Amino acid sequence: MHEPIRLLIVDDHPVVRQGLRAYLELEADFDIVAEAGDGEEALAAIGEDEPDVVLLDLKMPGTDGQAVLERLGGDGPRVLVLTSATDSERVPAAIEAGAAGFVYKDIDPDALAAAIRTVHAGQTLLSPAAMRGLMSGGPAAAPELTPRESQVLGLIAKGQTNRQIARALGVSEKTVKTHVTNLLRRIGAADRTQAALWAVRHGVG
């Protein structure tokens, strides 16, 4: 039996926190270790309660969710941004600051549970609605990728690991690692999260 996923819920609306807790407590593999109503409380809880995944609202008074991400600097727990559908313009900044995923508050509860498990497993997750928000401005000019590089990048954008990509394409994991290294250099991405964001922005995958 695996240890439950330790969750921190961060939202400035108590009713939202209560609703999330009421549902997520029904999931046997989740343990809600703390709640926070603003960014300062969230940072304190991260240090004290050591959650595995933080459900983070972006719009909060005082220290908002973006500031929390920036102060974490990519260290600490995995962060799943959970915010309103009017915040699509915030997606790039949140992902660049280290968020592992981005979903909207109208998400189906079962899909939210799946999203938490996905980011906890080390994968990147952008909801279809968040992807549409990213692409609404149209893709910018981009370096031309080979068909194989486009395939690999598309699978990275879906959150797949090197092993999963190797299995999907029928190649070795070493070959996939080489493709990923070349891709990151070509598109100017520092890591897989930035590569996934680049793929969404340019309609790859």
C-alpha atoms as a PDB file:
ATOM      1  CA  MET A   1       0.000   0.000   0.000  1.00  0.00           C
ATOM      2  CA  HIS A   2       1.494   3.335  -1.055  1.00  0.00           C
ATOM      3  CA  GLU A   3       1.571   6.310   1.288  1.00  0.00           C
ATOM      4  CA  PRO A   4      -1.351   8.700   0.601  1.00  0.00           C
ATOM      5  CA  ILE A   5      -0.683  11.869  -1.390  1.00  0.00           C
ATOM      6  CA  ARG A   6      -0.386  14.752   1.082  1.00  0.00           C
ATOM      7  CA  LEU A   7      -2.432  17.743  -0.106  1.00  0.00           C
ATOM      8  CA  LEU A   8      -2.494  21.442   0.767  1.00  0.00           C
ATOM      9  CA  ILE A   9      -5.563  23.408  -0.383  1.00  0.00           C
ATOM     10  CA  VAL A  10      -4.938  27.127  -0.968  1.00  0.00           C
ATOM     11  CA  ASP A  11      -7.881  29.417  -1.738  1.00  0.00           C
ATOM     12  CA  ASP A  12      -9.090  32.670  -0.194  1.00  0.00           C
ATOM     13  CA  HIS A  13     -12.735  31.499  -0.252  1.00  0.00           C
ATOM     14  CA  PRO A  14     -13.583  29.209   2.704  1.00  0.00           C
ATOM     15  CA  VAL A  15     -16.524  27.653   0.840  1.00  0.00           C
ATOM     16  CA  VAL A  16     -14.204  26.589  -1.994  1.00  0.00           C
ATOM     17  CA  ARG A  17     -11.751  25.039   0.449  1.00  0.00           C
ATOM     18  CA  GLN A  18     -14.573  23.210   2.229  1.00  0.00           C
ATOM     19  CA  GLY A  19     -15.981  21.898  -1.035  1.00  0.00           C
ATOM     20  CA  LEU A  20     -12.604  20.634  -2.199  1.00  0.00           C
ATOM     21  CA  ARG A  21     -11.924  19.008   1.157  1.00  0.00           C
ATOM     22  CA  ALA A  22     -15.347  17.336   1.243  1.00  0.00           C
ATOM     23  CA  TYR A  23     -14.722  15.655  -2.097  1.00  0.00           C
ATOM     24  CA  LEU A  24     -11.025  14.906  -1.863  1.00  0.00           C
ATOM     25  CA  GLU A  25     -11.350  13.325   1.579  1.00  0.00           C
ATOM     26  CA  LEU A  26     -13.463  10.626  -0.074  1.00  0.00           C
ATOM     27  CA  GLU A  27     -10.430   9.513  -2.095  1.00  0.00           C
ATOM     28  CA  ALA A  28      -8.517   6.811  -0.209  1.00  0.00           C
ATOM     29  CA  ASP A  29      -5.135   7.873  -1.604  1.00  0.00           C
ATOM     30  CA  PHE A  30      -5.411  11.535  -0.537  1.00  0.00           C
ATOM     31  CA  ASP A  31      -4.540  13.045   2.851  1.00  0.00           C
ATOM     32  CA  ILE A  32      -5.399  16.745   3.261  1.00  0.00           C
ATOM     33  CA  VAL A  33      -2.711  17.961   5.647  1.00  0.00           C
ATOM     34  CA  ALA A  34      -3.589  21.680   5.671  1.00  0.00           C
ATOM     35  CA  GLU A  35      -5.577  24.550   4.201  1.00  0.00           C
ATOM     36  CA  ALA A  36      -4.498  28.133   3.583  1.00  0.00           C
ATOM     37  CA  GLY A  37      -6.442  31.288   2.789  1.00  0.00           C
ATOM     38  CA  ASP A  38      -3.606  33.343   1.295  1.00  0.00           C
ATOM     39  CA  GLY A  39      -0.093  33.071  -0.023  1.00  0.00           C
ATOM     40  CA  GLU A  40       1.711  33.695   3.267  1.00  0.00           C
ATOM     41  CA  GLU A  41      -0.332  30.996   4.987  1.00  0.00           C
ATOM     42  CA  ALA A  42       0.412  28.688   2.058  1.00  0.00           C
ATOM     43  CA  LEU A  43       4.168  29.194   2.296  1.00  0.00           C
ATOM     44  CA  ALA A  44       4.070  28.602   6.047  1.00  0.00           C
ATOM     45  CA  ALA A  45       2.020  25.421   5.604  1.00  0.00           C
ATOM     46  CA  ILE A  46       4.394  24.146   2.924  1.00  0.00           C
ATOM     47  CA  GLY A  47       7.256  24.484   5.370  1.00  0.00           C
ATOM     48  CA  GLU A  48       5.391  22.993   8.333  1.00  0.00           C
ATOM     49  CA  ASP A  49       3.192  20.284   6.803  1.00  0.00           C
ATOM     50  CA  GLU A  50       5.351  19.174   3.850  1.00  0.00           C
ATOM     51  CA  PRO A  51       2.561  18.465   1.335  1.00  0.00           C
ATOM     52  CA  ASP A  52       3.295  16.473  -1.807  1.00  0.00           C
ATOM     53  CA  VAL A  53       0.874  18.491  -3.960  1.00  0.00           C
ATOM     54  CA  VAL A  54      -0.467  22.021  -3.495  1.00  0.00           C
ATOM     55  CA  LEU A  55      -3.833  22.999  -5.011  1.00  0.00           C
ATOM     56  CA  LEU A  56      -3.165  26.703  -5.554  1.00  0.00           C
ATOM     57  CA  ASP A  57      -5.559  29.508  -6.423  1.00  0.00           C
ATOM     58  CA  LEU A  58      -3.872  32.366  -8.292  1.00  0.00           C
ATOM     59  CA  LYS A  59      -6.130  35.302  -7.385  1.00  0.00           C
ATOM     60  CA  MET A  60      -5.795  36.018  -3.669  1.00  0.00           C
ATOM     61  CA  PRO A  61      -5.396  39.229  -1.663  1.00  0.00           C
ATOM     62  CA  GLY A  62      -1.891  40.097  -0.543  1.00  0.00           C
ATOM     63  CA  THR A  63       0.564  37.384  -1.573  1.00  0.00           C
ATOM     64  CA  ASP A  64      -1.188  35.744  -4.528  1.00  0.00           C
ATOM     65  CA  GLY A  65      -0.599  32.369  -6.137  1.00  0.00           C
ATOM     66  CA  GLN A  66       1.885  33.683  -8.675  1.00  0.00           C
ATOM     67  CA  ALA A  67       4.003  35.139  -5.864  1.00  0.00           C
ATOM     68  CA  VAL A  68       3.890  31.785  -4.066  1.00  0.00           C
ATOM     69  CA  LEU A  69       5.201  30.039  -7.177  1.00  0.00           C
ATOM     70  CA  GLU A  70       7.960  32.587  -7.627  1.00  0.00           C
ATOM     71  CA  ARG A  71       9.061  32.347  -3.995  1.00  0.00           C
ATOM     72  CA  LEU A  72       9.155  28.562  -4.202  1.00  0.00           C
ATOM     73  CA  GLY A  73      11.352  28.889  -7.277  1.00  0.00           C
ATOM     74  CA  GLY A  74      10.504  25.408  -8.530  1.00  0.00           C
ATOM     75  CA  ASP A  75      11.562  23.775  -5.255  1.00  0.00           C
ATOM     76  CA  GLY A  76       9.310  21.979  -2.835  1.00  0.00           C
ATOM     77  CA  PRO A  77       5.973  20.303  -3.570  1.00  0.00           C
ATOM     78  CA  ARG A  78       4.326  19.875  -6.953  1.00  0.00           C
ATOM     79  CA  VAL A  79       1.854  22.701  -7.578  1.00  0.00           C
ATOM     80  CA  LEU A  80      -1.447  22.257  -9.407  1.00  0.00           C
ATOM     81  CA  VAL A  81      -2.975  25.648 -10.148  1.00  0.00           C
ATOM     82  CA  LEU A  82      -6.758  25.592  -9.700  1.00  0.00           C
ATOM     83  CA  THR A  83      -8.327  28.861 -10.721  1.00  0.00           C
ATOM     84  CA  SER A  84     -11.181  30.512 -12.621  1.00  0.00           C
ATOM     85  CA  ALA A  85     -11.649  30.323 -16.386  1.00  0.00           C
ATOM     86  CA  THR A  86     -11.035  34.074 -16.726  1.00  0.00           C
ATOM     87  CA  ASP A  87      -7.386  33.567 -15.781  1.00  0.00           C
ATOM     88  CA  SER A  88      -6.122  31.957 -19.007  1.00  0.00           C
ATOM     89  CA  GLU A  89      -3.723  34.853 -19.533  1.00  0.00           C
ATOM     90  CA  ARG A  90      -1.973  33.784 -16.321  1.00  0.00           C
ATOM     91  CA  VAL A  91      -1.154  30.283 -17.574  1.00  0.00           C
ATOM     92  CA  PRO A  92       2.245  31.042 -19.167  1.00  0.00           C
ATOM     93  CA  ALA A  93       3.566  32.943 -16.145  1.00  0.00           C
ATOM     94  CA  ALA A  94       2.370  30.243 -13.739  1.00  0.00           C
ATOM     95  CA  ILE A  95       3.967  27.444 -15.751  1.00  0.00           C
ATOM     96  CA  GLU A  96       7.184  29.413 -16.227  1.00  0.00           C
ATOM     97  CA  ALA A  97       7.309  29.966 -12.449  1.00  0.00           C
ATOM     98  CA  GLY A  98       7.177  26.232 -11.803  1.00  0.00           C
ATOM     99  CA  ALA A  99       3.538  25.111 -11.700  1.00  0.00           C
ATOM    100  CA  ALA A 100       3.233  21.439 -12.641  1.00  0.00           C
ATOM    101  CA  GLY A 101      -0.318  21.789 -13.918  1.00  0.00           C
ATOM    102  CA  PHE A 102      -3.174  24.202 -14.543  1.00  0.00           C
ATOM    103  CA  VAL A 103      -6.887  23.392 -14.358  1.00  0.00           C
ATOM    104  CA  TYR A 104     -10.017  25.491 -13.944  1.00  0.00           C
ATOM    105  CA  LYS A 105     -12.450  25.428 -11.042  1.00  0.00           C
ATOM    106  CA  ASP A 106     -15.274  24.061 -13.185  1.00  0.00           C
ATOM    107  CA  ILE A 107     -13.327  20.816 -13.632  1.00  0.00           C
ATOM    108  CA  ASP A 108     -15.169  17.563 -12.995  1.00  0.00           C
ATOM    109  CA  PRO A 109     -14.259  16.194  -9.517  1.00  0.00           C
ATOM    110  CA  ASP A 110     -13.007  12.893 -10.911  1.00  0.00           C
ATOM    111  CA  ALA A 111     -10.854  14.773 -13.422  1.00  0.00           C
ATOM    112  CA  LEU A 112      -9.432  16.882 -10.593  1.00  0.00           C
ATOM    113  CA  ALA A 113      -8.478  13.752  -8.662  1.00  0.00           C
ATOM    114  CA  ALA A 114      -6.803  12.386 -11.792  1.00  0.00           C
ATOM    115  CA  ALA A 115      -4.968  15.680 -12.309  1.00  0.00           C
ATOM    116  CA  ILE A 116      -3.602  15.558  -8.755  1.00  0.00           C
ATOM    117  CA  ARG A 117      -2.319  12.025  -9.314  1.00  0.00           C
ATOM    118  CA  THR A 118      -0.775  13.046 -12.635  1.00  0.00           C
ATOM    119  CA  VAL A 119       1.255  15.947 -11.239  1.00  0.00           C
ATOM    120  CA  HIS A 120       2.218  13.899  -8.174  1.00  0.00           C
ATOM    121  CA  ALA A 121       3.651  11.291 -10.547  1.00  0.00           C
ATOM    122  CA  GLY A 122       5.999  13.947 -11.940  1.00  0.00           C
ATOM    123  CA  GLN A 123       4.104  14.741 -15.122  1.00  0.00           C
ATOM    124  CA  THR A 124       2.965  18.084 -16.508  1.00  0.00           C
ATOM    125  CA  LEU A 125      -0.745  18.716 -16.978  1.00  0.00           C
ATOM    126  CA  LEU A 126      -2.590  21.494 -18.777  1.00  0.00           C
ATOM    127  CA  SER A 127      -6.341  21.189 -19.085  1.00  0.00           C
ATOM    128  CA  PRO A 128      -7.769  21.417 -22.636  1.00  0.00           C
ATOM    129  CA  ALA A 129      -9.345  24.748 -21.680  1.00  0.00           C
ATOM    130  CA  ALA A 130      -5.991  26.090 -20.485  1.00  0.00           C
ATOM    131  CA  MET A 131      -4.379  24.942 -23.736  1.00  0.00           C
ATOM    132  CA  ARG A 132      -7.028  26.755 -25.763  1.00  0.00           C
ATOM    133  CA  GLY A 133      -6.334  29.894 -23.743  1.00  0.00           C
ATOM    134  CA  LEU A 134      -2.644  29.622 -24.521  1.00  0.00           C
ATOM    135  CA  MET A 135      -3.234  29.160 -28.230  1.00  0.00           C
ATOM    136  CA  SER A 136      -5.938  31.820 -28.630  1.00  0.00           C
ATOM    137  CA  GLY A 137      -3.376  34.344 -29.820  1.00  0.00           C
ATOM    138  CA  GLY A 138      -2.127  32.050 -32.580  1.00  0.00           C
ATOM    139  CA  PRO A 139       1.246  30.354 -32.766  1.00  0.00           C
ATOM    140  CA  ALA A 140       4.364  32.488 -33.101  1.00  0.00           C
ATOM    141  CA  ALA A 141       7.191  31.767 -35.507  1.00  0.00           C
ATOM    142  CA  ALA A 142       8.957  28.584 -34.490  1.00  0.00           C
ATOM    143  CA  PRO A 143      11.952  26.524 -35.564  1.00  0.00           C
ATOM    144  CA  GLU A 144      11.024  23.746 -37.973  1.00  0.00           C
ATOM    145  CA  LEU A 145      11.015  20.359 -36.263  1.00  0.00           C
ATOM    146  CA  THR A 146      11.471  16.973 -37.897  1.00  0.00           C
ATOM    147  CA  PRO A 147       8.401  14.686 -37.863  1.00  0.00           C
ATOM    148  CA  ARG A 148      10.030  12.563 -35.138  1.00  0.00           C
ATOM    149  CA  GLU A 149      10.846  15.614 -33.014  1.00  0.00           C
ATOM    150  CA  SER A 150       7.250  16.774 -33.361  1.00  0.00           C
ATOM    151  CA  GLN A 151       6.042  13.343 -32.218  1.00  0.00           C
ATOM    152  CA  VAL A 152       8.317  13.382 -29.188  1.00  0.00           C
ATOM    153  CA  LEU A 153       7.370  16.947 -28.287  1.00  0.00           C
ATOM    154  CA  GLY A 154       3.668  16.162 -28.614  1.00  0.00           C
ATOM    155  CA  LEU A 155       4.065  13.260 -26.181  1.00  0.00           C
ATOM    156  CA  ILE A 156       6.038  15.434 -23.758  1.00  0.00           C
ATOM    157  CA  ALA A 157       3.147  17.921 -23.863  1.00  0.00           C
ATOM    158  CA  LYS A 158       0.801  15.076 -22.856  1.00  0.00           C
ATOM    159  CA  GLY A 159       2.957  14.488 -19.786  1.00  0.00           C
ATOM    160  CA  GLN A 160       4.499  11.211 -20.895  1.00  0.00           C
ATOM    161  CA  THR A 161       7.832  10.031 -19.489  1.00  0.00           C
ATOM    162  CA  ASN A 162      10.808   9.002 -21.632  1.00  0.00           C
ATOM    163  CA  ARG A 163       9.943   5.359 -21.015  1.00  0.00           C
ATOM    164  CA  GLN A 164       6.333   5.866 -22.140  1.00  0.00           C
ATOM    165  CA  ILE A 165       7.477   7.786 -25.222  1.00  0.00           C
ATOM    166  CA  ALA A 166       9.955   5.044 -26.108  1.00  0.00           C
ATOM    167  CA  ARG A 167       7.205   2.441 -25.852  1.00  0.00           C
ATOM    168  CA  ALA A 168       4.795   4.527 -27.933  1.00  0.00           C
ATOM    169  CA  LEU A 169       7.317   5.119 -30.718  1.00  0.00           C
ATOM    170  CA  GLY A 170       8.974   1.704 -30.648  1.00  0.00           C
ATOM    171  CA  VAL A 171      12.455   3.091 -29.969  1.00  0.00           C
ATOM    172  CA  SER A 172      14.931   2.832 -27.104  1.00  0.00           C
ATOM    173  CA  GLU A 173      14.755   5.083 -24.064  1.00  0.00           C
ATOM    174  CA  LYS A 174      18.289   6.270 -24.912  1.00  0.00           C
ATOM    175  CA  THR A 175      17.081   7.418 -28.332  1.00  0.00           C
ATOM    176  CA  VAL A 176      14.232   9.338 -26.720  1.00  0.00           C
ATOM    177  CA  LYS A 177      16.668  11.038 -24.332  1.00  0.00           C
ATOM    178  CA  THR A 178      18.730  12.166 -27.308  1.00  0.00           C
ATOM    179  CA  HIS A 179      15.629  13.558 -29.039  1.00  0.00           C
ATOM    180  CA  VAL A 180      14.576  15.373 -25.868  1.00  0.00           C
ATOM    181  CA  THR A 181      18.030  16.922 -25.376  1.00  0.00           C
ATOM    182  CA  ASN A 182      18.085  18.123 -28.988  1.00  0.00           C
ATOM    183  CA  LEU A 183      14.531  19.439 -28.735  1.00  0.00           C
ATOM    184  CA  LEU A 184      15.184  21.458 -25.594  1.00  0.00           C
ATOM    185  CA  ARG A 185      18.209  23.068 -27.198  1.00  0.00           C
ATOM    186  CA  ARG A 186      16.407  23.808 -30.471  1.00  0.00           C
ATOM    187  CA  ILE A 187      13.339  25.448 -28.941  1.00  0.00           C
ATOM    188  CA  GLY A 188      15.252  27.152 -26.144  1.00  0.00           C
ATOM    189  CA  ALA A 189      13.487  25.328 -23.292  1.00  0.00           C
ATOM    190  CA  ALA A 190      15.216  24.731 -19.974  1.00  0.00           C
ATOM    191  CA  ASP A 191      13.207  21.657 -19.041  1.00  0.00           C
ATOM    192  CA  ARG A 192      10.272  19.421 -19.985  1.00  0.00           C
ATOM    193  CA  THR A 193       7.706  21.778 -18.432  1.00  0.00           C
ATOM    194  CA  GLN A 194       8.869  24.660 -20.619  1.00  0.00           C
ATOM    195  CA  ALA A 195       8.926  22.306 -23.611  1.00  0.00           C
ATOM    196  CA  ALA A 196       5.312  21.305 -22.920  1.00  0.00           C
ATOM    197  CA  LEU A 197       4.323  24.964 -22.709  1.00  0.00           C
ATOM    198  CA  TRP A 198       6.159  25.703 -25.982  1.00  0.00           C
ATOM    199  CA  ALA A 199       4.351  22.793 -27.650  1.00  0.00           C
ATOM    200  CA  VAL A 200       0.972  24.124 -26.569  1.00  0.00           C
ATOM    201  CA  ARG A 201       1.780  27.647 -27.710  1.00  0.00           C
ATOM    202  CA  HIS A 202       2.821  26.408 -31.154  1.00  0.00           C
ATOM    203  CA  GLY A 203       0.094  23.821 -31.649  1.00  0.00           C
ATOM    204  CA  VAL A 204       2.350  20.770 -31.505  1.00  0.00           C
ATOM    205  CA  GLY A 205       0.737  17.525 -30.330  1.00  0.00           C
END
